[in-house]
Amino acid sequence: MSTITLSDILDDIQAAEQGLRRFERRYWVSSDHFYDLYSKGFLDDGENLEDFSEWAGHYKLRQKRMAALEGVK
């Protein structure tokens, strides 16, 4: 099992943030609001399924890495 470094955490947060901003600009909604709706199953699962899955992945990665960052402090 490999150890994640602070640099890895920060790199992942930056990459996730870039992905989140891209989807926020495309769909004109904050990632927090999107994820709330997505996790409750209120969003379209048809033509936007791929985008929404990727967006949710960026969101979950950011949340996970932010928690890891808090653990470093």
C-alpha atoms as a PDB file:
ATOM      1  CA  MET A   1       0.000   0.000   0.000  1.00  0.00           C
ATOM      2  CA  SER A   2       1.426   3.350  -1.001  1.00  0.00           C
ATOM      3  CA  THR A   3       1.340   6.484   1.104  1.00  0.00           C
ATOM      4  CA  ILE A   4      -0.234   9.614  -0.297  1.00  0.00           C
ATOM      5  CA  THR A   5       1.888  12.723   0.077  1.00  0.00           C
ATOM      6  CA  LEU A   6       0.829  16.288   0.751  1.00  0.00           C
ATOM      7  CA  SER A   7       1.881  17.123  -2.792  1.00  0.00           C
ATOM      8  CA  ASP A   8      -0.387  14.358  -4.137  1.00  0.00           C
ATOM      9  CA  ILE A   9      -3.301  15.665  -2.080  1.00  0.00           C
ATOM     10  CA  LEU A  10      -2.815  19.219  -3.335  1.00  0.00           C
ATOM     11  CA  ASP A  11      -2.413  18.071  -6.946  1.00  0.00           C
ATOM     12  CA  ASP A  12      -5.626  16.048  -6.720  1.00  0.00           C
ATOM     13  CA  ILE A  13      -7.523  18.978  -5.197  1.00  0.00           C
ATOM     14  CA  GLN A  14      -6.334  21.267  -7.979  1.00  0.00           C
ATOM     15  CA  ALA A  15      -7.320  18.770 -10.687  1.00  0.00           C
ATOM     16  CA  ALA A  16     -10.728  18.199  -9.091  1.00  0.00           C
ATOM     17  CA  GLU A  17     -11.339  21.946  -8.797  1.00  0.00           C
ATOM     18  CA  GLN A  18     -10.548  22.427 -12.487  1.00  0.00           C
ATOM     19  CA  GLY A  19     -13.025  19.700 -13.419  1.00  0.00           C
ATOM     20  CA  LEU A  20     -15.693  21.156 -11.134  1.00  0.00           C
ATOM     21  CA  ARG A  21     -15.294  24.645 -12.609  1.00  0.00           C
ATOM     22  CA  ARG A  22     -15.616  23.241 -16.119  1.00  0.00           C
ATOM     23  CA  PHE A  23     -18.971  21.618 -15.307  1.00  0.00           C
ATOM     24  CA  GLU A  24     -20.189  24.614 -13.300  1.00  0.00           C
ATOM     25  CA  ARG A  25     -19.594  26.842 -16.335  1.00  0.00           C
ATOM     26  CA  ARG A  26     -21.259  24.354 -18.671  1.00  0.00           C
ATOM     27  CA  TYR A  27     -24.397  23.818 -16.563  1.00  0.00           C
ATOM     28  CA  TRP A  28     -24.579  27.118 -14.622  1.00  0.00           C
ATOM     29  CA  VAL A  29     -24.941  25.475 -11.215  1.00  0.00           C
ATOM     30  CA  SER A  30     -22.614  25.148  -8.233  1.00  0.00           C
ATOM     31  CA  SER A  31     -21.041  21.770  -7.644  1.00  0.00           C
ATOM     32  CA  ASP A  32     -22.486  21.606  -4.132  1.00  0.00           C
ATOM     33  CA  HIS A  33     -26.010  22.122  -5.458  1.00  0.00           C
ATOM     34  CA  PHE A  34     -25.407  19.711  -8.333  1.00  0.00           C
ATOM     35  CA  TYR A  35     -24.134  16.974  -6.036  1.00  0.00           C
ATOM     36  CA  ASP A  36     -27.039  17.398  -3.641  1.00  0.00           C
ATOM     37  CA  LEU A  37     -29.500  16.895  -6.514  1.00  0.00           C
ATOM     38  CA  TYR A  38     -27.417  14.148  -8.127  1.00  0.00           C
ATOM     39  CA  SER A  39     -27.085  12.130  -4.925  1.00  0.00           C
ATOM     40  CA  LYS A  40     -30.869  12.295  -4.418  1.00  0.00           C
ATOM     41  CA  GLY A  41     -31.486  11.045  -7.967  1.00  0.00           C
ATOM     42  CA  PHE A  42     -33.215  14.231  -9.162  1.00  0.00           C
ATOM     43  CA  LEU A  43     -31.105  14.791 -12.284  1.00  0.00           C
ATOM     44  CA  ASP A  44     -31.427  13.545 -15.839  1.00  0.00           C
ATOM     45  CA  ASP A  45     -29.813  10.151 -16.278  1.00  0.00           C
ATOM     46  CA  GLY A  46     -30.056  10.137 -20.064  1.00  0.00           C
ATOM     47  CA  GLU A  47     -28.047  12.351 -22.365  1.00  0.00           C
ATOM     48  CA  ASN A  48     -26.030  13.916 -19.511  1.00  0.00           C
ATOM     49  CA  LEU A  49     -25.201  10.696 -17.683  1.00  0.00           C
ATOM     50  CA  GLU A  50     -21.530  10.692 -18.650  1.00  0.00           C
ATOM     51  CA  ASP A  51     -21.026  14.355 -17.692  1.00  0.00           C
ATOM     52  CA  PHE A  52     -22.882  13.958 -14.418  1.00  0.00           C
ATOM     53  CA  SER A  53     -20.931  10.834 -13.485  1.00  0.00           C
ATOM     54  CA  GLU A  54     -17.631  12.583 -14.175  1.00  0.00           C
ATOM     55  CA  TRP A  55     -18.763  15.710 -12.301  1.00  0.00           C
ATOM     56  CA  ALA A  56     -19.759  13.607  -9.284  1.00  0.00           C
ATOM     57  CA  GLY A  57     -16.372  11.890  -9.436  1.00  0.00           C
ATOM     58  CA  HIS A  58     -14.545  15.227  -9.311  1.00  0.00           C
ATOM     59  CA  TYR A  59     -16.757  16.291  -6.418  1.00  0.00           C
ATOM     60  CA  LYS A  60     -16.133  13.111  -4.411  1.00  0.00           C
ATOM     61  CA  LEU A  61     -12.386  13.290  -5.071  1.00  0.00           C
ATOM     62  CA  ARG A  62     -12.269  16.878  -3.822  1.00  0.00           C
ATOM     63  CA  GLN A  63     -14.219  15.954  -0.686  1.00  0.00           C
ATOM     64  CA  LYS A  64     -11.965  12.973   0.003  1.00  0.00           C
ATOM     65  CA  ARG A  65      -8.761  14.945  -0.530  1.00  0.00           C
ATOM     66  CA  MET A  66     -10.006  17.896   1.535  1.00  0.00           C
ATOM     67  CA  ALA A  67     -10.644  15.468   4.402  1.00  0.00           C
ATOM     68  CA  ALA A  68      -7.133  14.056   3.935  1.00  0.00           C
ATOM     69  CA  LEU A  69      -5.732  17.588   3.973  1.00  0.00           C
ATOM     70  CA  GLU A  70      -7.519  18.280   7.257  1.00  0.00           C
ATOM     71  CA  GLY A  71      -5.888  15.143   8.645  1.00  0.00           C
ATOM     72  CA  VAL A  72      -2.438  16.494   7.781  1.00  0.00           C
ATOM     73  CA  LYS A  73      -2.913  19.646   9.859  1.00  0.00           C
END
